[in-house]
Amino acid sequence: MNVNVGKIVNMHGVKGEVKILSASDFAEERFQPGKVLLIPFKDETVELTIKSYRVHKNFHMVSFVGINNINDVEQYKGLDVYQDVDTASLPLEENEYYYSDIIGCEVFNDGVSIGKVTDIFETGANDVWVIRGEKEHLIPYIEDVVKEIDIENKRITIEAMEGLLS
């Protein structure tokens, strides 16, 4: 099984470096030199080993072993990149979850579904979950709001503070 860790959004320079928009909660660890990224391309999965990594303007800049030309990676623009879940998994502390575990969970407030988690934003203080149902809601991942996370059943229970769902 593979976990989505980002998307190649553009090229940078002519030497084959790519800009990746991270979909990962541990981008710094995932894009380190020596790690392998998997790119589904046409009817196969391309495996590329990371040669170098740096952060530039909220993007993760990655170059690959054996690729030294923009023409060799341009075909991957717009594609999602993955890592094998066994090599991508990092130990989690209590009340920590992978984004891929949270995204897709149905969120309930007072026993009523308000939608599913479709995206997660890092704000510095805490993550904010985008919940899409009849309306779109932004829910902070804080103890006062998020009461129970059941990854196995893809179910999250919240206790919305006043004004949070209006």
N, C-alpha and C. Protein backbone atom coordinates (compact mmCIF):
# COMPACT_ATOMS: atom_id res chain seq x y z
N MET A 1 0.84 -1.18 0.00
CA MET A 1 0.00 0.00 0.00
C MET A 1 0.88 1.24 0.00
N ASN A 2 0.45 2.26 -0.73
CA ASN A 2 1.21 3.51 -0.83
C ASN A 2 0.43 4.65 -0.20
N VAL A 3 1.17 5.64 0.30
CA VAL A 3 0.57 6.82 0.90
C VAL A 3 0.95 8.03 0.05
N ASN A 4 -0.06 8.88 -0.23
CA ASN A 4 0.17 10.09 -1.01
C ASN A 4 0.96 11.09 -0.16
N VAL A 5 2.10 11.56 -0.67
CA VAL A 5 2.91 12.51 0.08
C VAL A 5 2.99 13.88 -0.59
N GLY A 6 2.41 14.02 -1.80
CA GLY A 6 2.42 15.32 -2.44
C GLY A 6 2.11 15.25 -3.91
N LYS A 7 2.29 16.41 -4.56
CA LYS A 7 2.04 16.52 -6.00
C LYS A 7 3.14 17.37 -6.62
N ILE A 8 3.65 16.92 -7.76
CA ILE A 8 4.63 17.72 -8.49
C ILE A 8 3.86 18.82 -9.21
N VAL A 9 4.08 20.06 -8.79
CA VAL A 9 3.31 21.17 -9.34
C VAL A 9 4.06 21.94 -10.42
N ASN A 10 5.39 21.81 -10.44
CA ASN A 10 6.15 22.51 -11.45
C ASN A 10 7.61 22.07 -11.43
N MET A 11 8.35 22.57 -12.41
CA MET A 11 9.78 22.33 -12.48
C MET A 11 10.47 23.57 -11.92
N HIS A 12 11.74 23.43 -11.57
CA HIS A 12 12.50 24.58 -11.09
C HIS A 12 13.88 24.50 -11.73
N GLY A 13 14.16 25.45 -12.59
CA GLY A 13 15.44 25.44 -13.29
C GLY A 13 15.45 24.40 -14.40
N VAL A 14 16.64 24.16 -14.95
CA VAL A 14 16.76 23.25 -16.09
C VAL A 14 17.46 21.94 -15.73
N LYS A 15 17.84 21.78 -14.46
CA LYS A 15 18.61 20.60 -14.07
C LYS A 15 17.78 19.47 -13.47
N GLY A 16 16.44 19.54 -13.65
CA GLY A 16 15.61 18.43 -13.21
C GLY A 16 15.04 18.54 -11.81
N GLU A 17 15.17 19.70 -11.17
CA GLU A 17 14.59 19.87 -9.83
C GLU A 17 13.08 20.12 -9.99
N VAL A 18 12.28 19.55 -9.08
CA VAL A 18 10.83 19.72 -9.13
C VAL A 18 10.33 20.40 -7.86
N LYS A 19 9.18 21.10 -8.02
CA LYS A 19 8.48 21.71 -6.89
C LYS A 19 7.36 20.76 -6.49
N ILE A 20 7.38 20.36 -5.24
CA ILE A 20 6.33 19.47 -4.74
C ILE A 20 5.51 20.21 -3.69
N LEU A 21 4.19 20.17 -3.87
CA LEU A 21 3.27 20.67 -2.87
C LEU A 21 2.95 19.49 -1.97
N SER A 22 3.34 19.58 -0.72
CA SER A 22 3.23 18.44 0.19
C SER A 22 1.79 18.14 0.56
N ALA A 23 1.49 16.85 0.64
CA ALA A 23 0.21 16.36 1.17
C ALA A 23 0.50 15.56 2.42
N SER A 24 1.66 15.80 3.00
CA SER A 24 2.13 14.99 4.11
C SER A 24 2.27 15.81 5.37
N ASP A 25 2.06 15.16 6.47
CA ASP A 25 2.23 15.78 7.76
C ASP A 25 3.68 15.74 8.23
N PHE A 26 4.55 15.02 7.53
CA PHE A 26 5.95 14.90 7.91
C PHE A 26 6.84 15.15 6.70
N ALA A 27 6.61 16.26 6.00
CA ALA A 27 7.32 16.52 4.74
C ALA A 27 8.83 16.51 4.93
N GLU A 28 9.31 17.13 5.97
CA GLU A 28 10.77 17.20 6.18
C GLU A 28 11.39 15.80 6.19
N GLU A 29 10.74 14.86 6.85
CA GLU A 29 11.27 13.50 6.93
C GLU A 29 11.06 12.73 5.63
N ARG A 30 9.95 12.95 4.97
CA ARG A 30 9.60 12.18 3.77
C ARG A 30 10.47 12.48 2.56
N PHE A 31 10.96 13.71 2.45
CA PHE A 31 11.69 14.12 1.26
C PHE A 31 13.21 14.15 1.45
N GLN A 32 13.70 13.45 2.43
CA GLN A 32 15.14 13.43 2.67
C GLN A 32 15.87 12.62 1.59
N PRO A 33 17.12 13.02 1.27
CA PRO A 33 17.91 12.26 0.29
C PRO A 33 17.97 10.77 0.67
N GLY A 34 17.82 9.94 -0.35
CA GLY A 34 17.83 8.50 -0.15
C GLY A 34 16.44 7.89 -0.11
N LYS A 35 15.43 8.70 0.22
CA LYS A 35 14.04 8.21 0.22
C LYS A 35 13.58 8.01 -1.22
N VAL A 36 12.66 7.09 -1.42
CA VAL A 36 12.15 6.78 -2.75
C VAL A 36 10.73 7.32 -2.90
N LEU A 37 10.49 8.03 -4.00
CA LEU A 37 9.14 8.48 -4.34
C LEU A 37 8.61 7.62 -5.48
N LEU A 38 7.33 7.31 -5.41
CA LEU A 38 6.68 6.50 -6.42
C LEU A 38 5.71 7.39 -7.20
N ILE A 39 5.82 7.35 -8.54
CA ILE A 39 4.98 8.18 -9.38
C ILE A 39 4.22 7.29 -10.37
N PRO A 40 2.90 7.16 -10.19
CA PRO A 40 2.12 6.41 -11.18
C PRO A 40 2.14 7.18 -12.50
N PHE A 41 2.67 6.56 -13.54
CA PHE A 41 2.82 7.23 -14.83
C PHE A 41 2.48 6.25 -15.94
N LYS A 42 1.46 6.60 -16.71
CA LYS A 42 0.95 5.73 -17.77
C LYS A 42 0.56 4.39 -17.15
N ASP A 43 1.13 3.29 -17.57
CA ASP A 43 0.73 1.98 -17.04
C ASP A 43 1.73 1.40 -16.06
N GLU A 44 2.59 2.24 -15.50
CA GLU A 44 3.60 1.73 -14.57
C GLU A 44 3.78 2.70 -13.41
N THR A 45 4.57 2.29 -12.45
CA THR A 45 4.93 3.16 -11.34
C THR A 45 6.43 3.41 -11.41
N VAL A 46 6.78 4.68 -11.55
CA VAL A 46 8.18 5.07 -11.64
C VAL A 46 8.71 5.28 -10.23
N GLU A 47 9.88 4.69 -9.94
CA GLU A 47 10.52 4.86 -8.63
C GLU A 47 11.71 5.79 -8.80
N LEU A 48 11.69 6.91 -8.06
CA LEU A 48 12.79 7.86 -8.13
C LEU A 48 13.38 8.06 -6.73
N THR A 49 14.70 7.98 -6.64
CA THR A 49 15.39 8.18 -5.37
C THR A 49 15.77 9.65 -5.24
N ILE A 50 15.47 10.23 -4.09
CA ILE A 50 15.75 11.65 -3.87
C ILE A 50 17.25 11.87 -3.70
N LYS A 51 17.77 12.82 -4.49
CA LYS A 51 19.18 13.18 -4.42
C LYS A 51 19.38 14.38 -3.49
N SER A 52 18.51 15.40 -3.62
CA SER A 52 18.62 16.58 -2.77
C SER A 52 17.24 17.11 -2.42
N TYR A 53 17.19 17.85 -1.31
CA TYR A 53 15.93 18.39 -0.81
C TYR A 53 16.18 19.72 -0.14
N ARG A 54 15.26 20.66 -0.40
CA ARG A 54 15.28 21.96 0.28
C ARG A 54 13.87 22.53 0.24
N VAL A 55 13.60 23.51 1.10
CA VAL A 55 12.30 24.18 1.12
C VAL A 55 12.49 25.56 0.53
N HIS A 56 11.56 25.96 -0.36
CA HIS A 56 11.61 27.28 -0.99
C HIS A 56 10.19 27.79 -1.19
N LYS A 57 9.82 28.87 -0.50
CA LYS A 57 8.51 29.50 -0.62
C LYS A 57 7.36 28.50 -0.47
N ASN A 58 7.35 27.76 0.61
CA ASN A 58 6.30 26.78 0.94
C ASN A 58 6.24 25.58 0.01
N PHE A 59 7.23 25.44 -0.87
CA PHE A 59 7.30 24.26 -1.73
C PHE A 59 8.50 23.42 -1.30
N HIS A 60 8.41 22.15 -1.59
CA HIS A 60 9.49 21.23 -1.28
C HIS A 60 10.22 20.96 -2.60
N MET A 61 11.45 21.41 -2.67
CA MET A 61 12.25 21.32 -3.89
C MET A 61 13.07 20.03 -3.82
N VAL A 62 12.86 19.17 -4.82
CA VAL A 62 13.47 17.85 -4.81
C VAL A 62 14.15 17.58 -6.14
N SER A 63 15.35 17.01 -6.07
CA SER A 63 16.00 16.51 -7.29
C SER A 63 16.22 15.01 -7.08
N PHE A 64 16.39 14.30 -8.19
CA PHE A 64 16.45 12.84 -8.13
C PHE A 64 17.77 12.31 -8.67
N VAL A 65 18.19 11.17 -8.13
CA VAL A 65 19.39 10.49 -8.57
C VAL A 65 19.21 10.11 -10.04
N GLY A 66 20.20 10.44 -10.85
CA GLY A 66 20.19 10.06 -12.26
C GLY A 66 19.40 10.98 -13.17
N ILE A 67 18.78 12.02 -12.61
CA ILE A 67 18.04 12.97 -13.43
C ILE A 67 18.71 14.33 -13.31
N ASN A 68 19.22 14.83 -14.44
CA ASN A 68 19.96 16.09 -14.44
C ASN A 68 19.42 17.08 -15.47
N ASN A 69 18.20 16.80 -15.99
CA ASN A 69 17.66 17.62 -17.05
C ASN A 69 16.15 17.77 -16.87
N ILE A 70 15.66 18.98 -17.09
CA ILE A 70 14.22 19.26 -16.95
C ILE A 70 13.38 18.34 -17.84
N ASN A 71 13.90 17.97 -19.01
CA ASN A 71 13.16 17.13 -19.94
C ASN A 71 12.86 15.75 -19.37
N ASP A 72 13.67 15.29 -18.42
CA ASP A 72 13.48 13.96 -17.84
C ASP A 72 12.36 13.91 -16.79
N VAL A 73 11.97 15.07 -16.27
CA VAL A 73 10.93 15.09 -15.22
C VAL A 73 9.69 15.88 -15.62
N GLU A 74 9.76 16.63 -16.69
CA GLU A 74 8.63 17.48 -17.09
C GLU A 74 7.34 16.68 -17.30
N GLN A 75 7.48 15.44 -17.73
CA GLN A 75 6.31 14.58 -17.96
C GLN A 75 5.55 14.25 -16.68
N TYR A 76 6.17 14.46 -15.53
CA TYR A 76 5.53 14.14 -14.25
C TYR A 76 4.78 15.32 -13.64
N LYS A 77 4.83 16.48 -14.28
CA LYS A 77 4.16 17.67 -13.75
C LYS A 77 2.67 17.40 -13.60
N GLY A 78 2.13 17.75 -12.43
CA GLY A 78 0.72 17.56 -12.14
C GLY A 78 0.38 16.21 -11.53
N LEU A 79 1.37 15.34 -11.42
CA LEU A 79 1.12 14.00 -10.88
C LEU A 79 1.37 13.93 -9.38
N ASP A 80 0.59 13.09 -8.72
CA ASP A 80 0.79 12.83 -7.29
C ASP A 80 2.01 11.94 -7.11
N VAL A 81 2.68 12.12 -5.97
CA VAL A 81 3.82 11.27 -5.63
C VAL A 81 3.49 10.52 -4.34
N TYR A 82 3.97 9.30 -4.26
CA TYR A 82 3.64 8.41 -3.16
C TYR A 82 4.91 7.82 -2.56
N GLN A 83 4.76 7.27 -1.37
CA GLN A 83 5.80 6.45 -0.77
C GLN A 83 5.14 5.17 -0.27
N ASP A 84 5.91 4.11 -0.26
CA ASP A 84 5.44 2.85 0.28
C ASP A 84 5.09 3.07 1.75
N VAL A 85 3.94 2.63 2.18
CA VAL A 85 3.48 2.90 3.54
C VAL A 85 4.44 2.33 4.58
N ASP A 86 5.11 1.23 4.28
CA ASP A 86 6.04 0.64 5.24
C ASP A 86 7.27 1.52 5.45
N THR A 87 7.76 2.14 4.38
CA THR A 87 8.93 3.01 4.52
C THR A 87 8.52 4.43 4.87
N ALA A 88 7.27 4.80 4.57
CA ALA A 88 6.82 6.17 4.83
C ALA A 88 6.34 6.35 6.26
N SER A 89 5.92 5.28 6.91
CA SER A 89 5.35 5.41 8.24
C SER A 89 6.40 5.82 9.26
N LEU A 90 6.03 6.78 10.05
CA LEU A 90 6.89 7.27 11.12
C LEU A 90 6.14 7.04 12.43
N PRO A 91 6.88 6.81 13.52
CA PRO A 91 6.18 6.57 14.78
C PRO A 91 5.38 7.80 15.21
N LEU A 92 4.18 7.56 15.70
CA LEU A 92 3.30 8.64 16.12
C LEU A 92 3.17 8.68 17.63
N GLU A 93 3.02 9.89 18.15
CA GLU A 93 2.74 10.07 19.56
C GLU A 93 1.23 9.87 19.77
N GLU A 94 0.81 9.85 21.02
CA GLU A 94 -0.61 9.75 21.33
C GLU A 94 -1.33 10.97 20.75
N ASN A 95 -2.52 10.77 20.19
CA ASN A 95 -3.33 11.82 19.57
C ASN A 95 -2.69 12.44 18.33
N GLU A 96 -1.76 11.73 17.68
CA GLU A 96 -1.20 12.14 16.40
C GLU A 96 -1.68 11.14 15.35
N TYR A 97 -1.97 11.66 14.17
CA TYR A 97 -2.50 10.83 13.10
C TYR A 97 -1.86 11.26 11.79
N TYR A 98 -1.82 10.34 10.84
CA TYR A 98 -1.40 10.70 9.50
C TYR A 98 -2.54 11.43 8.81
N TYR A 99 -2.21 12.41 7.98
CA TYR A 99 -3.25 13.12 7.23
C TYR A 99 -4.11 12.13 6.46
N SER A 100 -3.47 11.12 5.88
CA SER A 100 -4.21 10.14 5.09
C SER A 100 -5.22 9.35 5.93
N ASP A 101 -4.99 9.28 7.26
CA ASP A 101 -5.96 8.62 8.14
C ASP A 101 -7.17 9.52 8.41
N ILE A 102 -6.94 10.82 8.48
CA ILE A 102 -7.99 11.78 8.83
C ILE A 102 -8.83 12.15 7.60
N ILE A 103 -8.16 12.39 6.47
CA ILE A 103 -8.89 12.79 5.26
C ILE A 103 -9.80 11.64 4.83
N GLY A 104 -11.05 11.98 4.62
CA GLY A 104 -12.05 10.98 4.25
C GLY A 104 -12.93 10.54 5.42
N CYS A 105 -12.54 10.90 6.64
CA CYS A 105 -13.37 10.55 7.80
C CYS A 105 -14.63 11.41 7.81
N GLU A 106 -15.72 10.81 8.25
CA GLU A 106 -16.97 11.54 8.40
C GLU A 106 -16.98 12.19 9.79
N VAL A 107 -17.43 13.45 9.83
CA VAL A 107 -17.40 14.23 11.07
C VAL A 107 -18.81 14.42 11.59
N PHE A 108 -19.00 14.13 12.88
CA PHE A 108 -20.31 14.23 13.52
C PHE A 108 -20.26 15.25 14.65
N ASN A 109 -21.34 16.06 14.73
CA ASN A 109 -21.53 17.00 15.83
C ASN A 109 -22.92 16.73 16.40
N ASP A 110 -23.02 16.44 17.68
CA ASP A 110 -24.29 16.07 18.31
C ASP A 110 -24.97 14.92 17.57
N GLY A 111 -24.18 13.95 17.09
CA GLY A 111 -24.72 12.78 16.43
C GLY A 111 -25.14 12.99 14.98
N VAL A 112 -24.99 14.22 14.46
CA VAL A 112 -25.39 14.54 13.10
C VAL A 112 -24.15 14.76 12.24
N SER A 113 -24.14 14.12 11.07
CA SER A 113 -23.00 14.27 10.16
C SER A 113 -22.98 15.69 9.59
N ILE A 114 -21.80 16.31 9.62
CA ILE A 114 -21.66 17.64 9.00
C ILE A 114 -20.82 17.55 7.72
N GLY A 115 -20.31 16.36 7.41
CA GLY A 115 -19.54 16.18 6.19
C GLY A 115 -18.30 15.34 6.43
N LYS A 116 -17.42 15.34 5.41
CA LYS A 116 -16.17 14.58 5.48
C LYS A 116 -14.98 15.51 5.42
N VAL A 117 -13.89 15.09 6.05
CA VAL A 117 -12.64 15.85 6.01
C VAL A 117 -12.06 15.71 4.59
N THR A 118 -11.85 16.84 3.92
CA THR A 118 -11.33 16.81 2.55
C THR A 118 -9.91 17.36 2.45
N ASP A 119 -9.48 18.13 3.45
CA ASP A 119 -8.15 18.73 3.39
C ASP A 119 -7.73 19.12 4.80
N ILE A 120 -6.43 19.33 4.96
CA ILE A 120 -5.89 19.75 6.25
C ILE A 120 -4.87 20.85 6.00
N PHE A 121 -4.97 21.94 6.77
CA PHE A 121 -4.03 23.04 6.68
C PHE A 121 -3.22 23.13 7.97
N GLU A 122 -1.93 23.37 7.84
CA GLU A 122 -1.09 23.62 9.00
C GLU A 122 -1.06 25.12 9.23
N THR A 123 -1.40 25.54 10.45
CA THR A 123 -1.42 26.98 10.74
C THR A 123 -0.31 27.40 11.69
N GLY A 124 0.41 26.47 12.21
CA GLY A 124 1.45 26.79 13.19
C GLY A 124 1.00 26.40 14.57
N ALA A 125 -0.10 27.01 15.05
CA ALA A 125 -0.61 26.70 16.38
C ALA A 125 -1.27 25.32 16.39
N ASN A 126 -2.10 25.05 15.40
CA ASN A 126 -2.79 23.76 15.31
C ASN A 126 -3.20 23.55 13.85
N ASP A 127 -3.52 22.32 13.51
CA ASP A 127 -4.03 22.04 12.17
C ASP A 127 -5.49 22.47 12.09
N VAL A 128 -5.94 22.78 10.88
CA VAL A 128 -7.33 23.10 10.62
C VAL A 128 -7.83 22.13 9.57
N TRP A 129 -8.95 21.49 9.87
CA TRP A 129 -9.53 20.52 8.95
C TRP A 129 -10.62 21.17 8.13
N VAL A 130 -10.62 20.90 6.82
CA VAL A 130 -11.69 21.36 5.93
C VAL A 130 -12.72 20.23 5.87
N ILE A 131 -13.96 20.55 6.28
CA ILE A 131 -15.04 19.58 6.29
C ILE A 131 -16.05 20.01 5.22
N ARG A 132 -16.33 19.09 4.27
CA ARG A 132 -17.31 19.41 3.22
C ARG A 132 -18.52 18.51 3.36
N GLY A 133 -19.67 19.16 3.47
CA GLY A 133 -20.96 18.48 3.51
C GLY A 133 -21.91 19.38 2.75
N GLU A 134 -23.06 19.70 3.36
CA GLU A 134 -23.96 20.68 2.75
C GLU A 134 -23.27 22.04 2.67
N LYS A 135 -22.45 22.32 3.65
CA LYS A 135 -21.64 23.54 3.70
C LYS A 135 -20.18 23.13 3.89
N GLU A 136 -19.29 24.08 3.74
CA GLU A 136 -17.88 23.84 4.05
C GLU A 136 -17.58 24.46 5.41
N HIS A 137 -16.91 23.70 6.25
CA HIS A 137 -16.56 24.19 7.59
C HIS A 137 -15.06 24.04 7.81
N LEU A 138 -14.50 24.96 8.55
CA LEU A 138 -13.10 24.88 8.97
C LEU A 138 -13.09 24.58 10.46
N ILE A 139 -12.55 23.43 10.81
CA ILE A 139 -12.57 22.95 12.19
C ILE A 139 -11.14 22.87 12.72
N PRO A 140 -10.85 23.57 13.82
CA PRO A 140 -9.49 23.45 14.38
C PRO A 140 -9.31 22.10 15.07
N TYR A 141 -8.14 21.52 14.87
CA TYR A 141 -7.84 20.26 15.56
C TYR A 141 -7.27 20.62 16.93
N ILE A 142 -8.21 20.86 17.86
CA ILE A 142 -7.86 21.17 19.24
C ILE A 142 -8.73 20.32 20.16
N GLU A 143 -8.23 20.10 21.37
CA GLU A 143 -8.89 19.24 22.34
C GLU A 143 -10.30 19.70 22.69
N ASP A 144 -10.52 21.02 22.72
CA ASP A 144 -11.83 21.56 23.07
C ASP A 144 -12.89 21.23 22.02
N VAL A 145 -12.47 20.96 20.77
CA VAL A 145 -13.42 20.71 19.69
C VAL A 145 -13.48 19.24 19.30
N VAL A 146 -12.33 18.65 19.02
CA VAL A 146 -12.28 17.26 18.56
C VAL A 146 -12.30 16.35 19.78
N LYS A 147 -13.38 15.57 19.89
CA LYS A 147 -13.58 14.75 21.08
C LYS A 147 -13.18 13.29 20.89
N GLU A 148 -13.39 12.74 19.68
CA GLU A 148 -13.06 11.34 19.46
C GLU A 148 -12.71 11.11 18.00
N ILE A 149 -11.63 10.37 17.78
CA ILE A 149 -11.22 9.99 16.43
C ILE A 149 -11.18 8.48 16.37
N ASP A 150 -11.99 7.91 15.47
CA ASP A 150 -12.06 6.47 15.26
C ASP A 150 -11.60 6.19 13.84
N ILE A 151 -10.29 5.99 13.67
CA ILE A 151 -9.70 5.79 12.35
C ILE A 151 -10.25 4.53 11.69
N GLU A 152 -10.42 3.47 12.47
CA GLU A 152 -10.88 2.20 11.92
C GLU A 152 -12.24 2.33 11.23
N ASN A 153 -13.15 3.13 11.82
CA ASN A 153 -14.49 3.32 11.26
C ASN A 153 -14.62 4.64 10.49
N LYS A 154 -13.50 5.34 10.32
CA LYS A 154 -13.46 6.62 9.58
C LYS A 154 -14.51 7.59 10.13
N ARG A 155 -14.53 7.75 11.46
CA ARG A 155 -15.54 8.56 12.13
C ARG A 155 -14.87 9.48 13.15
N ILE A 156 -15.24 10.75 13.12
CA ILE A 156 -14.71 11.74 14.06
C ILE A 156 -15.90 12.43 14.73
N THR A 157 -15.83 12.56 16.04
CA THR A 157 -16.87 13.25 16.81
C THR A 157 -16.29 14.57 17.32
N ILE A 158 -17.02 15.65 17.06
CA ILE A 158 -16.60 16.95 17.55
C ILE A 158 -17.68 17.55 18.45
N GLU A 159 -17.29 18.54 19.20
CA GLU A 159 -18.22 19.34 19.99
C GLU A 159 -17.96 20.78 19.56
N ALA A 160 -18.78 21.25 18.62
CA ALA A 160 -18.56 22.56 18.02
C ALA A 160 -18.79 23.68 19.02
N MET A 161 -17.84 24.59 19.07
CA MET A 161 -18.00 25.79 19.90
C MET A 161 -19.03 26.69 19.23
N GLU A 162 -19.60 27.59 19.99
CA GLU A 162 -20.62 28.48 19.45
C GLU A 162 -20.08 29.25 18.24
N GLY A 163 -20.84 29.25 17.15
CA GLY A 163 -20.45 29.99 15.95
C GLY A 163 -19.54 29.22 14.99
N LEU A 164 -19.04 28.07 15.40
CA LEU A 164 -18.09 27.34 14.57
C LEU A 164 -18.72 26.76 13.32
N LEU A 165 -19.98 26.36 13.39
CA LEU A 165 -20.64 25.73 12.24
C LEU A 165 -21.62 26.66 11.53
N SER A 166 -21.65 27.94 11.89
CA SER A 166 -22.62 28.84 11.24
C SER A 166 -22.07 29.49 9.99
